[in-house]
Amino acid sequence: MSPDSIAMTSLRRLIGYQVQHQGIPCQIVEVLEEGPVLVLQEIACNRVIQPDQFGKARRWVPQILEIRVRGSSGQLTPGFLDLGVVQFLLP
């Protein structure tokens, strides 16, 4: 599959899928058009402290990760390919 053939609508269909990122179970929660970038939320109990707008510790939240779909050369990134979701993008 060529990188140009991946449409945003196809990427958005991945929202809700559970994947493994570097051995950590995650769920795809959003797709950002700039990049494009997949936003993952860790499913495991790894939580981080989320600061408020003033930088003060506010609450514990799941870790959020961003995975670029394409690199600067336009090719699919290794991080995206490692998620194993390319087969779900096929028509």
PDB file of N, CA and C in Angstrom:
ATOM      1  N   MET A   1       0.850  -1.174   0.000  1.00  0.00           N
ATOM      2  CA  MET A   1       0.000   0.000   0.000  1.00  0.00           C
ATOM      3  C   MET A   1       0.891   1.231   0.000  1.00  0.00           C
ATOM      4  N   SER A   2       0.629   2.157  -0.894  1.00  0.00           N
ATOM      5  CA  SER A   2       1.452   3.360  -0.944  1.00  0.00           C
ATOM      6  C   SER A   2       0.928   4.371   0.066  1.00  0.00           C
ATOM      7  N   PRO A   3       1.830   5.202   0.611  1.00  0.00           N
ATOM      8  CA  PRO A   3       1.416   6.189   1.608  1.00  0.00           C
ATOM      9  C   PRO A   3       0.365   7.157   1.088  1.00  0.00           C
ATOM     10  N   ASP A   4       0.428   7.491  -0.221  1.00  0.00           N
ATOM     11  CA  ASP A   4      -0.533   8.438  -0.766  1.00  0.00           C
ATOM     12  C   ASP A   4      -1.941   7.866  -0.821  1.00  0.00           C
ATOM     13  N   SER A   5      -2.043   6.538  -0.818  1.00  0.00           N
ATOM     14  CA  SER A   5      -3.360   5.922  -0.935  1.00  0.00           C
ATOM     15  C   SER A   5      -4.084   5.817   0.406  1.00  0.00           C
ATOM     16  N   ILE A   6      -3.428   6.207   1.482  1.00  0.00           N
ATOM     17  CA  ILE A   6      -4.072   6.159   2.797  1.00  0.00           C
ATOM     18  C   ILE A   6      -4.855   7.453   2.998  1.00  0.00           C
ATOM     19  N   ALA A   7      -6.169   7.352   2.986  1.00  0.00           N
ATOM     20  CA  ALA A   7      -7.032   8.514   3.154  1.00  0.00           C
ATOM     21  C   ALA A   7      -7.341   8.718   4.634  1.00  0.00           C
ATOM     22  N   MET A   8      -7.668   9.955   4.967  1.00  0.00           N
ATOM     23  CA  MET A   8      -8.026  10.264   6.354  1.00  0.00           C
ATOM     24  C   MET A   8      -9.243   9.454   6.790  1.00  0.00           C
ATOM     25  N   THR A   9     -10.183   9.228   5.895  1.00  0.00           N
ATOM     26  CA  THR A   9     -11.367   8.445   6.272  1.00  0.00           C
ATOM     27  C   THR A   9     -10.970   7.020   6.645  1.00  0.00           C
ATOM     28  N   SER A  10      -9.976   6.474   5.937  1.00  0.00           N
ATOM     29  CA  SER A  10      -9.492   5.128   6.276  1.00  0.00           C
ATOM     30  C   SER A  10      -8.823   5.131   7.635  1.00  0.00           C
ATOM     31  N   LEU A  11      -8.019   6.151   7.904  1.00  0.00           N
ATOM     32  CA  LEU A  11      -7.342   6.232   9.201  1.00  0.00           C
ATOM     33  C   LEU A  11      -8.356   6.407  10.326  1.00  0.00           C
ATOM     34  N   ARG A  12      -9.387   7.191  10.100  1.00  0.00           N
ATOM     35  CA  ARG A  12     -10.400   7.414  11.146  1.00  0.00           C
ATOM     36  C   ARG A  12     -11.150   6.133  11.499  1.00  0.00           C
ATOM     37  N   ARG A  13     -11.238   5.213  10.544  1.00  0.00           N
ATOM     38  CA  ARG A  13     -11.893   3.926  10.838  1.00  0.00           C
ATOM     39  C   ARG A  13     -11.121   3.136  11.884  1.00  0.00           C
ATOM     40  N   LEU A  14      -9.855   3.485  12.101  1.00  0.00           N
ATOM     41  CA  LEU A  14      -9.033   2.779  13.087  1.00  0.00           C
ATOM     42  C   LEU A  14      -9.344   3.197  14.523  1.00  0.00           C
ATOM     43  N   ILE A  15     -10.063   4.306  14.701  1.00  0.00           N
ATOM     44  CA  ILE A  15     -10.375   4.773  16.053  1.00  0.00           C
ATOM     45  C   ILE A  15     -11.141   3.678  16.790  1.00  0.00           C
ATOM     46  N   GLY A  16     -10.661   3.348  17.972  1.00  0.00           N
ATOM     47  CA  GLY A  16     -11.265   2.294  18.779  1.00  0.00           C
ATOM     48  C   GLY A  16     -10.500   0.982  18.728  1.00  0.00           C
ATOM     49  N   TYR A  17      -9.640   0.811  17.717  1.00  0.00           N
ATOM     50  CA  TYR A  17      -8.849  -0.421  17.616  1.00  0.00           C
ATOM     51  C   TYR A  17      -7.834  -0.498  18.752  1.00  0.00           C
ATOM     52  N   GLN A  18      -7.624  -1.696  19.254  1.00  0.00           N
ATOM     53  CA  GLN A  18      -6.583  -1.929  20.254  1.00  0.00           C
ATOM     54  C   GLN A  18      -5.350  -2.459  19.548  1.00  0.00           C
ATOM     55  N   VAL A  19      -4.200  -1.880  19.885  1.00  0.00           N
ATOM     56  CA  VAL A  19      -2.927  -2.233  19.255  1.00  0.00           C
ATOM     57  C   VAL A  19      -1.858  -2.378  20.330  1.00  0.00           C
ATOM     58  N   GLN A  20      -0.711  -2.886  19.922  1.00  0.00           N
ATOM     59  CA  GLN A  20       0.460  -2.964  20.803  1.00  0.00           C
ATOM     60  C   GLN A  20       1.491  -1.967  20.295  1.00  0.00           C
ATOM     61  N   HIS A  21       1.951  -1.080  21.160  1.00  0.00           N
ATOM     62  CA  HIS A  21       3.027  -0.153  20.812  1.00  0.00           C
ATOM     63  C   HIS A  21       4.192  -0.414  21.759  1.00  0.00           C
ATOM     64  N   GLN A  22       5.270  -0.950  21.213  1.00  0.00           N
ATOM     65  CA  GLN A  22       6.455  -1.302  21.996  1.00  0.00           C
ATOM     66  C   GLN A  22       6.084  -2.191  23.183  1.00  0.00           C
ATOM     67  N   GLY A  23       5.184  -3.140  22.927  1.00  0.00           N
ATOM     68  CA  GLY A  23       4.778  -4.097  23.946  1.00  0.00           C
ATOM     69  C   GLY A  23       3.735  -3.594  24.921  1.00  0.00           C
ATOM     70  N   ILE A  24       3.272  -2.371  24.738  1.00  0.00           N
ATOM     71  CA  ILE A  24       2.287  -1.780  25.644  1.00  0.00           C
ATOM     72  C   ILE A  24       0.922  -1.783  24.960  1.00  0.00           C
ATOM     73  N   PRO A  25      -0.103  -2.368  25.594  1.00  0.00           N
ATOM     74  CA  PRO A  25      -1.434  -2.344  24.987  1.00  0.00           C
ATOM     75  C   PRO A  25      -2.004  -0.925  24.978  1.00  0.00           C
ATOM     76  N   CYS A  26      -2.476  -0.513  23.804  1.00  0.00           N
ATOM     77  CA  CYS A  26      -3.015   0.834  23.622  1.00  0.00           C
ATOM     78  C   CYS A  26      -4.284   0.768  22.790  1.00  0.00           C
ATOM     79  N   GLN A  27      -5.026   1.862  22.810  1.00  0.00           N
ATOM     80  CA  GLN A  27      -6.206   2.002  21.970  1.00  0.00           C
ATOM     81  C   GLN A  27      -6.031   3.268  21.136  1.00  0.00           C
ATOM     82  N   ILE A  28      -6.404   3.197  19.858  1.00  0.00           N
ATOM     83  CA  ILE A  28      -6.356   4.377  18.996  1.00  0.00           C
ATOM     84  C   ILE A  28      -7.566   5.233  19.345  1.00  0.00           C
ATOM     85  N   VAL A  29      -7.312   6.472  19.788  1.00  0.00           N
ATOM     86  CA  VAL A  29      -8.409   7.324  20.249  1.00  0.00           C
ATOM     87  C   VAL A  29      -8.666   8.529  19.344  1.00  0.00           C
ATOM     88  N   GLU A  30      -7.720   8.843  18.450  1.00  0.00           N
ATOM     89  CA  GLU A  30      -7.899  10.019  17.589  1.00  0.00           C
ATOM     90  C   GLU A  30      -6.940   9.948  16.418  1.00  0.00           C
ATOM     91  N   VAL A  31      -7.276  10.641  15.351  1.00  0.00           N
ATOM     92  CA  VAL A  31      -6.393  10.799  14.197  1.00  0.00           C
ATOM     93  C   VAL A  31      -6.277  12.295  13.930  1.00  0.00           C
ATOM     94  N   LEU A  32      -5.062  12.803  13.967  1.00  0.00           N
ATOM     95  CA  LEU A  32      -4.817  14.214  13.678  1.00  0.00           C
ATOM     96  C   LEU A  32      -4.439  14.357  12.210  1.00  0.00           C
ATOM     97  N   GLU A  33      -5.044  15.320  11.525  1.00  0.00           N
ATOM     98  CA  GLU A  33      -4.784  15.493  10.094  1.00  0.00           C
ATOM     99  C   GLU A  33      -3.367  15.969   9.818  1.00  0.00           C
ATOM    100  N   GLU A  34      -2.819  16.797  10.678  1.00  0.00           N
ATOM    101  CA  GLU A  34      -1.450  17.275  10.485  1.00  0.00           C
ATOM    102  C   GLU A  34      -0.495  16.128  10.671  1.00  0.00           C
ATOM    103  N   GLY A  35       0.124  15.713   9.635  1.00  0.00           N
ATOM    104  CA  GLY A  35       1.087  14.606   9.736  1.00  0.00           C
ATOM    105  C   GLY A  35       0.805  13.516   8.734  1.00  0.00           C
ATOM    106  N   PRO A  36      -0.226  12.772   8.752  1.00  0.00           N
ATOM    107  CA  PRO A  36      -1.174  12.565   9.851  1.00  0.00           C
ATOM    108  C   PRO A  36      -0.541  11.815  11.025  1.00  0.00           C
ATOM    109  N   VAL A  37      -1.210  11.869  12.156  1.00  0.00           N
ATOM    110  CA  VAL A  37      -0.716  11.273  13.394  1.00  0.00           C
ATOM    111  C   VAL A  37      -1.843  10.471  14.042  1.00  0.00           C
ATOM    112  N   LEU A  38      -1.514   9.251  14.485  1.00  0.00           N
ATOM    113  CA  LEU A  38      -2.454   8.465  15.287  1.00  0.00           C
ATOM    114  C   LEU A  38      -2.196   8.778  16.753  1.00  0.00           C
ATOM    115  N   VAL A  39      -3.257   9.016  17.507  1.00  0.00           N
ATOM    116  CA  VAL A  39      -3.139   9.274  18.940  1.00  0.00           C
ATOM    117  C   VAL A  39      -3.561   8.000  19.664  1.00  0.00           C
ATOM    118  N   LEU A  40      -2.651   7.476  20.480  1.00  0.00           N
ATOM    119  CA  LEU A  40      -2.898   6.246  21.228  1.00  0.00           C
ATOM    120  C   LEU A  40      -3.026   6.560  22.705  1.00  0.00           C
ATOM    121  N   GLN A  41      -3.864   5.809  23.391  1.00  0.00           N
ATOM    122  CA  GLN A  41      -3.993   5.903  24.848  1.00  0.00           C
ATOM    123  C   GLN A  41      -3.658   4.543  25.422  1.00  0.00           C
ATOM    124  N   GLU A  42      -2.741   4.532  26.380  1.00  0.00           N
ATOM    125  CA  GLU A  42      -2.374   3.259  27.001  1.00  0.00           C
ATOM    126  C   GLU A  42      -3.574   2.666  27.724  1.00  0.00           C
ATOM    127  N   ILE A  43      -3.751   1.361  27.564  1.00  0.00           N
ATOM    128  CA  ILE A  43      -4.841   0.653  28.239  1.00  0.00           C
ATOM    129  C   ILE A  43      -4.382   0.162  29.605  1.00  0.00           C
ATOM    130  N   ALA A  44      -3.095  -0.167  29.710  1.00  0.00           N
ATOM    131  CA  ALA A  44      -2.539  -0.683  30.969  1.00  0.00           C
ATOM    132  C   ALA A  44      -2.652   0.388  32.054  1.00  0.00           C
ATOM    133  N   CYS A  45      -2.293   0.030  33.243  1.00  0.00           N
ATOM    134  CA  CYS A  45      -2.463   0.931  34.384  1.00  0.00           C
ATOM    135  C   CYS A  45      -1.383   2.015  34.473  1.00  0.00           C
ATOM    136  N   ASN A  46      -0.539   2.155  33.460  1.00  0.00           N
ATOM    137  CA  ASN A  46       0.466   3.222  33.488  1.00  0.00           C
ATOM    138  C   ASN A  46      -0.232   4.566  33.368  1.00  0.00           C
ATOM    139  N   ARG A  47      -0.145   5.348  34.388  1.00  0.00           N
ATOM    140  CA  ARG A  47      -0.793   6.660  34.384  1.00  0.00           C
ATOM    141  C   ARG A  47       0.240   7.729  34.690  1.00  0.00           C
ATOM    142  N   VAL A  48      -0.023   8.917  34.189  1.00  0.00           N
ATOM    143  CA  VAL A  48       0.857  10.054  34.421  1.00  0.00           C
ATOM    144  C   VAL A  48       0.033  11.170  35.054  1.00  0.00           C
ATOM    145  N   ILE A  49       0.716  12.086  35.692  1.00  0.00           N
ATOM    146  CA  ILE A  49       0.022  13.219  36.297  1.00  0.00           C
ATOM    147  C   ILE A  49      -0.182  14.279  35.227  1.00  0.00           C
ATOM    148  N   GLN A  50      -1.429  14.698  35.049  1.00  0.00           N
ATOM    149  CA  GLN A  50      -1.746  15.731  34.073  1.00  0.00           C
ATOM    150  C   GLN A  50      -1.744  17.085  34.775  1.00  0.00           C
ATOM    151  N   PRO A  51      -0.945  18.015  34.286  1.00  0.00           N
ATOM    152  CA  PRO A  51      -0.935  19.340  34.904  1.00  0.00           C
ATOM    153  C   PRO A  51      -2.106  20.185  34.406  1.00  0.00           C
ATOM    154  N   ASP A  52      -2.487  21.177  35.220  1.00  0.00           N
ATOM    155  CA  ASP A  52      -3.502  22.115  34.764  1.00  0.00           C
ATOM    156  C   ASP A  52      -2.823  23.188  33.908  1.00  0.00           C
ATOM    157  N   GLN A  53      -3.552  24.211  33.535  1.00  0.00           N
ATOM    158  CA  GLN A  53      -3.007  25.244  32.651  1.00  0.00           C
ATOM    159  C   GLN A  53      -1.877  26.045  33.286  1.00  0.00           C
ATOM    160  N   PHE A  54      -1.717  25.934  34.597  1.00  0.00           N
ATOM    161  CA  PHE A  54      -0.651  26.653  35.285  1.00  0.00           C
ATOM    162  C   PHE A  54       0.530  25.756  35.619  1.00  0.00           C
ATOM    163  N   GLY A  55       0.458  24.479  35.195  1.00  0.00           N
ATOM    164  CA  GLY A  55       1.554  23.548  35.427  1.00  0.00           C
ATOM    165  C   GLY A  55       1.483  22.811  36.748  1.00  0.00           C
ATOM    166  N   LYS A  56       0.418  23.005  37.507  1.00  0.00           N
ATOM    167  CA  LYS A  56       0.273  22.314  38.790  1.00  0.00           C
ATOM    168  C   LYS A  56      -0.347  20.937  38.570  1.00  0.00           C
ATOM    169  N   ALA A  57       0.149  19.964  39.319  1.00  0.00           N
ATOM    170  CA  ALA A  57      -0.366  18.596  39.205  1.00  0.00           C
ATOM    171  C   ALA A  57      -1.864  18.597  39.484  1.00  0.00           C
ATOM    172  N   ARG A  58      -2.606  17.956  38.617  1.00  0.00           N
ATOM    173  CA  ARG A  58      -4.050  18.008  38.745  1.00  0.00           C
ATOM    174  C   ARG A  58      -4.683  16.642  38.980  1.00  0.00           C
ATOM    175  N   ARG A  59      -4.383  15.680  38.088  1.00  0.00           N
ATOM    176  CA  ARG A  59      -5.023  14.372  38.199  1.00  0.00           C
ATOM    177  C   ARG A  59      -4.195  13.332  37.457  1.00  0.00           C
ATOM    178  N   TRP A  60      -4.492  12.066  37.750  1.00  0.00           N
ATOM    179  CA  TRP A  60      -3.832  10.950  37.079  1.00  0.00           C
ATOM    180  C   TRP A  60      -4.634  10.583  35.837  1.00  0.00           C
ATOM    181  N   VAL A  61      -3.950  10.453  34.710  1.00  0.00           N
ATOM    182  CA  VAL A  61      -4.608  10.096  33.449  1.00  0.00           C
ATOM    183  C   VAL A  61      -3.777   9.047  32.719  1.00  0.00           C
ATOM    184  N   PRO A  62      -4.395   8.291  31.809  1.00  0.00           N
ATOM    185  CA  PRO A  62      -3.620   7.335  31.014  1.00  0.00           C
ATOM    186  C   PRO A  62      -2.600   8.066  30.134  1.00  0.00           C
ATOM    187  N   GLN A  63      -1.481   7.417  29.882  1.00  0.00           N
ATOM    188  CA  GLN A  63      -0.441   7.976  29.021  1.00  0.00           C
ATOM    189  C   GLN A  63      -0.978   8.097  27.593  1.00  0.00           C
ATOM    190  N   ILE A  64      -0.694   9.211  26.946  1.00  0.00           N
ATOM    191  CA  ILE A  64      -1.089   9.443  25.555  1.00  0.00           C
ATOM    192  C   ILE A  64       0.171   9.433  24.697  1.00  0.00           C
ATOM    193  N   LEU A  65       0.103   8.730  23.565  1.00  0.00           N
ATOM    194  CA  LEU A  65       1.237   8.629  22.645  1.00  0.00           C
ATOM    195  C   LEU A  65       0.794   9.083  21.265  1.00  0.00           C
ATOM    196  N   GLU A  66       1.714   9.683  20.513  1.00  0.00           N
ATOM    197  CA  GLU A  66       1.431  10.090  19.141  1.00  0.00           C
ATOM    198  C   GLU A  66       2.358   9.342  18.201  1.00  0.00           C
ATOM    199  N   ILE A  67       1.786   8.726  17.179  1.00  0.00           N
ATOM    200  CA  ILE A  67       2.549   7.956  16.202  1.00  0.00           C
ATOM    201  C   ILE A  67       2.320   8.572  14.826  1.00  0.00           C
ATOM    202  N   ARG A  68       3.392   9.086  14.235  1.00  0.00           N
ATOM    203  CA  ARG A  68       3.293   9.644  12.879  1.00  0.00           C
ATOM    204  C   ARG A  68       3.035   8.524  11.879  1.00  0.00           C
ATOM    205  N   VAL A  69       2.166   8.785  10.935  1.00  0.00           N
ATOM    206  CA  VAL A  69       1.860   7.803   9.897  1.00  0.00           C
ATOM    207  C   VAL A  69       2.918   7.856   8.800  1.00  0.00           C
ATOM    208  N   ARG A  70       3.306   9.060   8.386  1.00  0.00           N
ATOM    209  CA  ARG A  70       4.307   9.239   7.331  1.00  0.00           C
ATOM    210  C   ARG A  70       5.512  10.002   7.860  1.00  0.00           C
ATOM    211  N   GLY A  71       6.682   9.627   7.362  1.00  0.00           N
ATOM    212  CA  GLY A  71       7.904  10.344   7.697  1.00  0.00           C
ATOM    213  C   GLY A  71       8.097  11.527   6.763  1.00  0.00           C
ATOM    214  N   SER A  72       9.215  12.224   6.921  1.00  0.00           N
ATOM    215  CA  SER A  72       9.490  13.402   6.097  1.00  0.00           C
ATOM    216  C   SER A  72       9.632  13.054   4.619  1.00  0.00           C
ATOM    217  N   SER A  73      10.007  11.815   4.317  1.00  0.00           N
ATOM    218  CA  SER A  73      10.148  11.384   2.918  1.00  0.00           C
ATOM    219  C   SER A  73       8.815  10.931   2.318  1.00  0.00           C
ATOM    220  N   GLY A  74       7.763  10.895   3.120  1.00  0.00           N
ATOM    221  CA  GLY A  74       6.454  10.474   2.637  1.00  0.00           C
ATOM    222  C   GLY A  74       6.177   8.995   2.810  1.00  0.00           C
ATOM    223  N   GLN A  75       7.160   8.249   3.261  1.00  0.00           N
ATOM    224  CA  GLN A  75       6.992   6.810   3.472  1.00  0.00           C
ATOM    225  C   GLN A  75       6.318   6.547   4.820  1.00  0.00           C
ATOM    226  N   LEU A  76       5.667   5.393   4.924  1.00  0.00           N
ATOM    227  CA  LEU A  76       5.066   5.001   6.199  1.00  0.00           C
ATOM    228  C   LEU A  76       6.170   4.804   7.225  1.00  0.00           C
ATOM    229  N   THR A  77       5.946   5.301   8.444  1.00  0.00           N
ATOM    230  CA  THR A  77       6.975   5.212   9.481  1.00  0.00           C
ATOM    231  C   THR A  77       7.024   3.808  10.073  1.00  0.00           C
ATOM    232  N   PRO A  78       8.193   3.411  10.576  1.00  0.00           N
ATOM    233  CA  PRO A  78       8.300   2.102  11.235  1.00  0.00           C
ATOM    234  C   PRO A  78       7.341   1.976  12.421  1.00  0.00           C
ATOM    235  N   GLY A  79       7.151   3.057  13.170  1.00  0.00           N
ATOM    236  CA  GLY A  79       6.238   3.022  14.315  1.00  0.00           C
ATOM    237  C   GLY A  79       4.814   2.714  13.897  1.00  0.00           C
ATOM    238  N   PHE A  80       4.387   3.294  12.787  1.00  0.00           N
ATOM    239  CA  PHE A  80       3.041   3.025  12.271  1.00  0.00           C
ATOM    240  C   PHE A  80       2.936   1.590  11.775  1.00  0.00           C
ATOM    241  N   LEU A  81       3.939   1.140  11.027  1.00  0.00           N
ATOM    242  CA  LEU A  81       3.923  -0.224  10.498  1.00  0.00           C
ATOM    243  C   LEU A  81       3.925  -1.257  11.618  1.00  0.00           C
ATOM    244  N   ASP A  82       4.636  -0.968  12.717  1.00  0.00           N
ATOM    245  CA  ASP A  82       4.708  -1.900  13.846  1.00  0.00           C
ATOM    246  C   ASP A  82       3.359  -2.084  14.548  1.00  0.00           C
ATOM    247  N   LEU A  83       2.444  -1.149  14.371  1.00  0.00           N
ATOM    248  CA  LEU A  83       1.123  -1.277  15.001  1.00  0.00           C
ATOM    249  C   LEU A  83       0.301  -2.394  14.365  1.00  0.00           C
ATOM    250  N   GLY A  84       0.644  -2.772  13.140  1.00  0.00           N
ATOM    251  CA  GLY A  84      -0.059  -3.870  12.473  1.00  0.00           C
ATOM    252  C   GLY A  84      -1.462  -3.536  12.017  1.00  0.00           C
ATOM    253  N   VAL A  85      -1.705  -2.278  11.665  1.00  0.00           N
ATOM    254  CA  VAL A  85      -3.055  -1.881  11.264  1.00  0.00           C
ATOM    255  C   VAL A  85      -3.203  -1.672   9.762  1.00  0.00           C
ATOM    256  N   VAL A  86      -2.112  -1.817   9.014  1.00  0.00           N
ATOM    257  CA  VAL A  86      -2.170  -1.567   7.569  1.00  0.00           C
ATOM    258  C   VAL A  86      -3.213  -2.455   6.906  1.00  0.00           C
ATOM    259  N   GLN A  87      -3.339  -3.697   7.352  1.00  0.00           N
ATOM    260  CA  GLN A  87      -4.311  -4.609   6.737  1.00  0.00           C
ATOM    261  C   GLN A  87      -5.740  -4.117   6.895  1.00  0.00           C
ATOM    262  N   PHE A  88      -6.017  -3.309   7.916  1.00  0.00           N
ATOM    263  CA  PHE A  88      -7.371  -2.794   8.127  1.00  0.00           C
ATOM    264  C   PHE A  88      -7.670  -1.591   7.233  1.00  0.00           C
ATOM    265  N   LEU A  89      -6.643  -1.061   6.568  1.00  0.00           N
ATOM    266  CA  LEU A  89      -6.817   0.086   5.689  1.00  0.00           C
ATOM    267  C   LEU A  89      -7.106  -0.326   4.253  1.00  0.00           C
ATOM    268  N   LEU A  90      -6.930  -1.605   3.958  1.00  0.00           N
ATOM    269  CA  LEU A  90      -7.163  -2.087   2.598  1.00  0.00           C
ATOM    270  C   LEU A  90      -8.649  -2.040   2.277  1.00  0.00           C
ATOM    271  N   PRO A  91      -8.990  -1.666   1.031  1.00  0.00           N
ATOM    272  CA  PRO A  91     -10.415  -1.563   0.661  1.00  0.00           C
ATOM    273  C   PRO A  91     -11.120  -2.897   0.680  1.00  0.00           C
TER     274      PRO A  91
END
